[in-house]
Amino acid sequence: MEPMPTIFVSHGGPNVVTDPSEARDYLRGLSDRLPRPEAIVIASAHFETDGPTVVRDPNPGMIYDFGGFAPELYEMVYPAPGHPALASRVHGLVDAAGLAPRYADERGYDHGAWTVLKLAWPDADIPVVLVSIDPKRDAAYHHALGAALAPLRDEGVLLMGSGHITHNLRALFGVMRDGMPSDPAMAEKVEAFVEWIGDAIGTGDTTALLAWRDRAPFVADNHPTDEHLMPLFFAAGAAGNGAQAEHAHASRQFGFFAWDSWIFR
């Protein structure tokens, strides 16, 4: 059996589930582009802890970690089961890598997890284990976290990072609130940043990729804070050196808010 691919997706707001978009269409078709997983381990940008935390909740609930959206989004559920045995295996692999993980006995699906999963696997019949990111730690840490879990790929487990390739919410909300036209200068900064990331991924230049804060263009404009890019390094680390990267999706909201996704095989 071929190892399971790993994947990074940009998840957007919770309304990605309801509002027509190219990103929604991509996420809806994601299960057709991947082998069916035995289970999914997902690192969401919205699950932040000090050091790695592994959720062993057998029945995760819902976390509506957003405000101001349509009422129907606060009624949505994603009833996929947890997988305590897999959580134990994840904990063991992360511990063996020297990253000192902890358990969370109860923790629900935040919108970085449930929106993507609901679109891609709407039957909610694949067990899911949540793993946290640490916004105070760098790309190398999250790459190592993913690498620690790479053996799970041979067991049919999909390792997924859910964040955003760009995440300047001030610029986004300004356009949404004021109805302002897209800022061409911001769009150019987004394209330069995404192109640089894509080049580093496509050429397998892990050294450059992990040094993104020092080497990529327009870092502060695209990521005022780091947390939404950390799941990319998780997915890349889980794929291992020499993985082939497919730039599986690229679309823009308001001309500059980027929704790129990569699949690593």
Protein backbone atom coordinates (compact mmCIF):
# COMPACT_ATOMS: atom_id res chain seq x y z
CA MET A 1 0.00 0.00 0.00
CA GLU A 2 1.27 3.45 -0.93
CA PRO A 3 1.75 5.83 2.00
CA MET A 4 -1.17 8.19 2.52
CA PRO A 5 -0.53 11.71 1.18
CA THR A 6 -0.42 14.66 3.53
CA ILE A 7 -2.25 17.91 2.87
CA PHE A 8 -2.42 21.58 3.77
CA VAL A 9 -5.67 23.46 3.18
CA SER A 10 -6.77 27.05 3.66
CA HIS A 11 -10.04 26.87 5.57
CA GLY A 12 -11.51 30.39 5.55
CA GLY A 13 -14.39 31.41 7.77
CA PRO A 14 -17.20 29.05 8.73
CA ASN A 15 -19.31 30.38 5.86
CA VAL A 16 -17.09 28.48 3.44
CA VAL A 17 -19.59 25.67 4.08
CA THR A 18 -22.58 27.71 2.89
CA ASP A 19 -21.35 30.38 0.48
CA PRO A 20 -20.55 29.49 -3.14
CA SER A 21 -16.85 29.79 -3.93
CA GLU A 22 -14.06 28.06 -5.80
CA ALA A 23 -12.58 27.08 -2.45
CA ARG A 24 -15.82 25.39 -1.39
CA ASP A 25 -15.93 23.48 -4.67
CA TYR A 26 -12.35 22.34 -4.15
CA LEU A 27 -12.97 21.16 -0.60
CA ARG A 28 -16.12 19.33 -1.66
CA GLY A 29 -14.09 17.40 -4.22
CA LEU A 30 -11.14 16.72 -1.95
CA SER A 31 -12.14 13.17 -1.05
CA ASP A 32 -12.01 12.27 -4.76
CA ARG A 33 -8.38 13.37 -4.97
CA LEU A 34 -7.17 11.32 -2.01
CA PRO A 35 -7.34 7.67 -0.96
CA ARG A 36 -10.01 7.10 1.64
CA PRO A 37 -8.32 7.44 5.04
CA GLU A 38 -8.68 4.97 7.87
CA ALA A 39 -8.52 8.00 10.16
CA ILE A 40 -7.54 11.67 10.04
CA VAL A 41 -5.12 13.56 12.26
CA ILE A 42 -5.63 17.30 11.83
CA ALA A 43 -3.64 20.26 13.11
CA SER A 44 -5.86 23.35 13.01
CA ALA A 45 -4.64 26.91 13.39
CA HIS A 46 -7.49 27.41 15.88
CA PHE A 47 -6.27 24.80 18.34
CA GLU A 48 -3.45 26.59 20.14
CA THR A 49 -1.64 25.30 23.23
CA ASP A 50 1.74 25.61 24.90
CA GLY A 51 3.48 22.61 23.40
CA PRO A 52 1.72 19.73 21.61
CA THR A 53 -1.63 18.52 22.88
CA VAL A 54 -3.38 15.42 21.54
CA VAL A 55 -7.14 15.06 21.91
CA ARG A 56 -8.37 11.63 23.02
CA ASP A 57 -12.03 12.57 23.25
CA PRO A 58 -14.04 9.64 21.80
CA ASN A 59 -16.94 11.95 20.86
CA PRO A 60 -15.73 15.48 20.14
CA GLY A 61 -18.40 18.17 20.22
CA MET A 62 -18.59 21.44 18.32
CA ILE A 63 -16.78 24.71 18.94
CA TYR A 64 -18.41 27.74 17.35
CA ASP A 65 -15.34 29.93 17.59
CA PHE A 66 -16.64 32.83 15.51
CA GLY A 67 -19.11 35.69 15.68
CA GLY A 68 -21.39 37.60 13.37
CA PHE A 69 -22.18 34.81 10.92
CA ALA A 70 -25.50 33.36 9.77
CA PRO A 71 -27.49 31.58 12.52
CA GLU A 72 -27.47 28.29 10.60
CA LEU A 73 -23.71 28.02 11.08
CA TYR A 74 -24.19 27.85 14.87
CA GLU A 75 -26.50 24.88 14.41
CA MET A 76 -24.22 22.79 12.23
CA VAL A 77 -22.70 19.63 13.66
CA TYR A 78 -19.96 17.32 12.51
CA PRO A 79 -20.44 14.09 14.47
CA ALA A 80 -17.31 12.21 13.40
CA PRO A 81 -16.00 10.07 16.24
CA GLY A 82 -12.67 10.55 17.92
CA HIS A 83 -10.14 7.72 18.08
CA PRO A 84 -8.58 7.29 21.56
CA ALA A 85 -6.34 4.42 20.44
CA LEU A 86 -4.92 6.47 17.59
CA ALA A 87 -4.57 9.44 19.94
CA SER A 88 -2.41 7.24 22.16
CA ARG A 89 -0.26 6.29 19.16
CA VAL A 90 0.06 9.96 18.15
CA HIS A 91 1.05 10.86 21.70
CA GLY A 92 3.67 8.11 21.73
CA LEU A 93 5.23 9.19 18.42
CA VAL A 94 5.36 12.84 19.46
CA ASP A 95 6.84 11.87 22.81
CA ALA A 96 9.49 9.72 21.12
CA ALA A 97 10.47 12.78 19.08
CA GLY A 98 11.19 14.64 22.32
CA LEU A 99 8.34 17.13 22.00
CA ALA A 100 6.71 16.38 25.39
CA PRO A 101 3.04 16.08 24.41
CA ARG A 102 0.04 16.25 26.70
CA TYR A 103 -3.48 14.88 26.40
CA ALA A 104 -6.79 16.70 26.28
CA ASP A 105 -9.58 14.41 27.39
CA GLU A 106 -12.32 16.65 25.98
CA ARG A 107 -12.04 19.07 23.11
CA GLY A 108 -14.41 19.74 20.21
CA TYR A 109 -13.98 20.54 16.55
CA ASP A 110 -13.11 24.21 15.93
CA HIS A 111 -14.05 25.77 12.61
CA GLY A 112 -10.59 25.18 11.20
CA ALA A 113 -11.33 21.48 11.51
CA TRP A 114 -15.06 20.92 11.09
CA THR A 115 -15.68 23.14 8.07
CA VAL A 116 -13.05 21.38 5.97
CA LEU A 117 -14.04 17.92 7.17
CA LYS A 118 -17.74 18.58 6.65
CA LEU A 119 -17.16 19.60 3.05
CA ALA A 120 -14.71 16.84 2.18
CA TRP A 121 -16.21 13.93 4.15
CA PRO A 122 -19.82 14.94 4.84
CA ASP A 123 -20.83 11.49 6.13
CA ALA A 124 -18.63 12.07 9.20
CA ASP A 125 -17.74 8.38 9.27
CA ILE A 126 -13.94 8.70 9.47
CA PRO A 127 -12.45 8.99 12.98
CA VAL A 128 -10.56 12.19 13.71
CA VAL A 129 -7.78 13.07 16.16
CA LEU A 130 -6.98 16.72 16.85
CA VAL A 131 -3.41 17.90 17.45
CA SER A 132 -2.59 21.43 18.56
CA ILE A 133 -0.21 23.99 17.18
CA ASP A 134 1.89 26.29 19.34
CA PRO A 135 1.80 29.91 18.11
CA LYS A 136 4.88 30.75 20.17
CA ARG A 137 7.01 28.19 18.34
CA ASP A 138 8.43 28.40 14.87
CA ALA A 139 8.16 26.63 11.55
CA ALA A 140 10.90 24.14 12.45
CA TYR A 141 8.96 22.99 15.51
CA HIS A 142 5.78 22.37 13.51
CA HIS A 143 7.76 20.64 10.76
CA ALA A 144 9.25 18.33 13.39
CA LEU A 145 5.79 17.71 14.84
CA GLY A 146 4.55 16.57 11.45
CA ALA A 147 7.67 14.49 10.84
CA ALA A 148 7.12 12.65 14.12
CA LEU A 149 3.77 11.42 12.82
CA ALA A 150 4.97 10.38 9.37
CA PRO A 151 4.84 6.63 10.22
CA LEU A 152 1.06 6.92 10.42
CA ARG A 153 0.95 7.43 6.66
CA ASP A 154 1.78 3.75 6.22
CA GLU A 155 -1.24 2.91 8.37
CA GLY A 156 -3.74 4.73 6.17
CA VAL A 157 -3.91 7.85 8.34
CA LEU A 158 -4.30 11.22 6.62
CA LEU A 159 -2.19 13.94 8.24
CA MET A 160 -3.76 17.33 7.54
CA GLY A 161 -2.84 20.90 8.35
CA SER A 162 -5.68 23.43 8.24
CA GLY A 163 -4.71 27.10 8.28
CA HIS A 164 -4.41 29.78 5.62
CA ILE A 165 -1.69 30.57 3.14
CA THR A 166 -2.31 34.29 3.79
CA HIS A 167 -4.20 35.71 6.75
CA ASN A 168 -4.39 39.49 6.94
CA LEU A 169 -7.84 39.85 8.51
CA ARG A 170 -7.56 43.61 8.93
CA ALA A 171 -7.32 43.99 5.16
CA LEU A 172 -10.06 41.44 4.59
CA PHE A 173 -12.53 42.90 7.09
CA GLY A 174 -11.88 46.40 5.76
CA VAL A 175 -13.03 45.33 2.32
CA MET A 176 -16.00 43.39 3.69
CA ARG A 177 -17.12 46.18 6.02
CA ASP A 178 -16.63 49.18 3.78
CA GLY A 179 -17.26 47.58 0.41
CA MET A 180 -13.93 48.96 -0.74
CA PRO A 181 -12.51 47.64 -4.00
CA SER A 182 -9.60 45.25 -3.79
CA ASP A 183 -6.26 46.92 -3.11
CA PRO A 184 -3.96 46.17 -6.08
CA ALA A 185 -0.87 46.75 -3.94
CA MET A 186 -2.08 44.19 -1.40
CA ALA A 187 -2.86 41.73 -4.19
CA GLU A 188 0.70 42.07 -5.50
CA LYS A 189 2.10 41.41 -2.03
CA VAL A 190 -0.06 38.30 -1.68
CA GLU A 191 1.00 36.95 -5.06
CA ALA A 192 4.68 37.55 -4.30
CA PHE A 193 4.40 35.77 -0.97
CA VAL A 194 2.42 32.80 -2.29
CA GLU A 195 4.77 32.44 -5.26
CA TRP A 196 7.77 32.37 -2.93
CA ILE A 197 6.18 29.73 -0.72
CA GLY A 198 5.24 27.68 -3.78
CA ASP A 199 8.78 27.85 -5.15
CA ALA A 200 10.27 26.71 -1.84
CA ILE A 201 7.80 23.83 -1.62
CA GLY A 202 8.09 22.87 -5.28
CA THR A 203 11.88 22.75 -5.25
CA GLY A 204 11.99 20.90 -1.95
CA ASP A 205 14.01 23.70 -0.35
CA THR A 206 13.11 22.94 3.25
CA THR A 207 15.85 25.21 4.57
CA ALA A 208 14.34 28.20 2.81
CA LEU A 209 10.79 27.22 3.70
CA LEU A 210 11.54 26.99 7.40
CA ALA A 211 13.28 30.37 7.25
CA TRP A 212 10.18 31.97 5.71
CA ARG A 213 10.03 34.81 8.22
CA ASP A 214 13.48 36.01 7.15
CA ARG A 215 13.36 35.16 3.45
CA ALA A 216 9.82 35.44 2.11
CA PRO A 217 8.59 38.79 0.77
CA PHE A 218 5.92 40.86 2.52
CA VAL A 219 5.68 38.57 5.54
CA ALA A 220 4.00 41.09 7.86
CA ASP A 221 1.44 42.02 5.21
CA ASN A 222 0.43 38.40 4.69
CA HIS A 223 0.80 37.05 8.23
CA PRO A 224 0.63 39.70 10.97
CA THR A 225 0.71 36.66 13.28
CA ASP A 226 2.12 33.24 12.47
CA GLU A 227 -0.48 30.71 13.60
CA HIS A 228 -2.34 30.24 10.30
CA LEU A 229 0.79 29.22 8.41
CA MET A 230 2.05 26.72 10.99
CA PRO A 231 -0.23 23.88 9.73
CA LEU A 232 1.56 24.11 6.37
CA PHE A 233 4.84 23.16 8.02
CA PHE A 234 3.07 20.33 9.87
CA ALA A 235 1.86 18.87 6.57
CA ALA A 236 5.21 19.34 4.85
CA GLY A 237 7.09 17.75 7.75
CA ALA A 238 4.73 14.77 7.77
CA ALA A 239 5.41 14.22 4.06
CA GLY A 240 9.15 13.89 4.60
CA ASN A 241 12.12 14.83 2.43
CA GLY A 242 11.73 14.17 -1.26
CA ALA A 243 7.93 14.32 -1.29
CA GLN A 244 6.28 15.49 -4.49
CA ALA A 245 4.16 18.57 -3.87
CA GLU A 246 1.03 19.29 -5.88
CA HIS A 247 -0.29 22.86 -5.79
CA ALA A 248 -3.81 21.49 -5.66
CA HIS A 249 -5.83 24.69 -5.37
CA ALA A 250 -5.38 28.45 -5.72
CA SER A 251 -8.21 30.97 -5.60
CA ARG A 252 -8.63 34.51 -4.31
CA GLN A 253 -11.36 36.25 -2.36
CA PHE A 254 -11.68 40.01 -3.00
CA GLY A 255 -8.66 39.69 -5.26
CA PHE A 256 -6.12 39.15 -2.48
CA PHE A 257 -7.26 36.73 0.25
CA ALA A 258 -5.56 33.50 -0.82
CA TRP A 259 -6.99 29.97 -0.41
CA ASP A 260 -4.08 27.85 -1.65
CA SER A 261 -3.76 24.15 -0.86
CA TRP A 262 -0.92 21.67 -1.32
CA ILE A 263 -0.99 17.90 -1.41
CA PHE A 264 2.28 16.10 -0.62
CA ARG A 265 2.80 12.56 -1.94
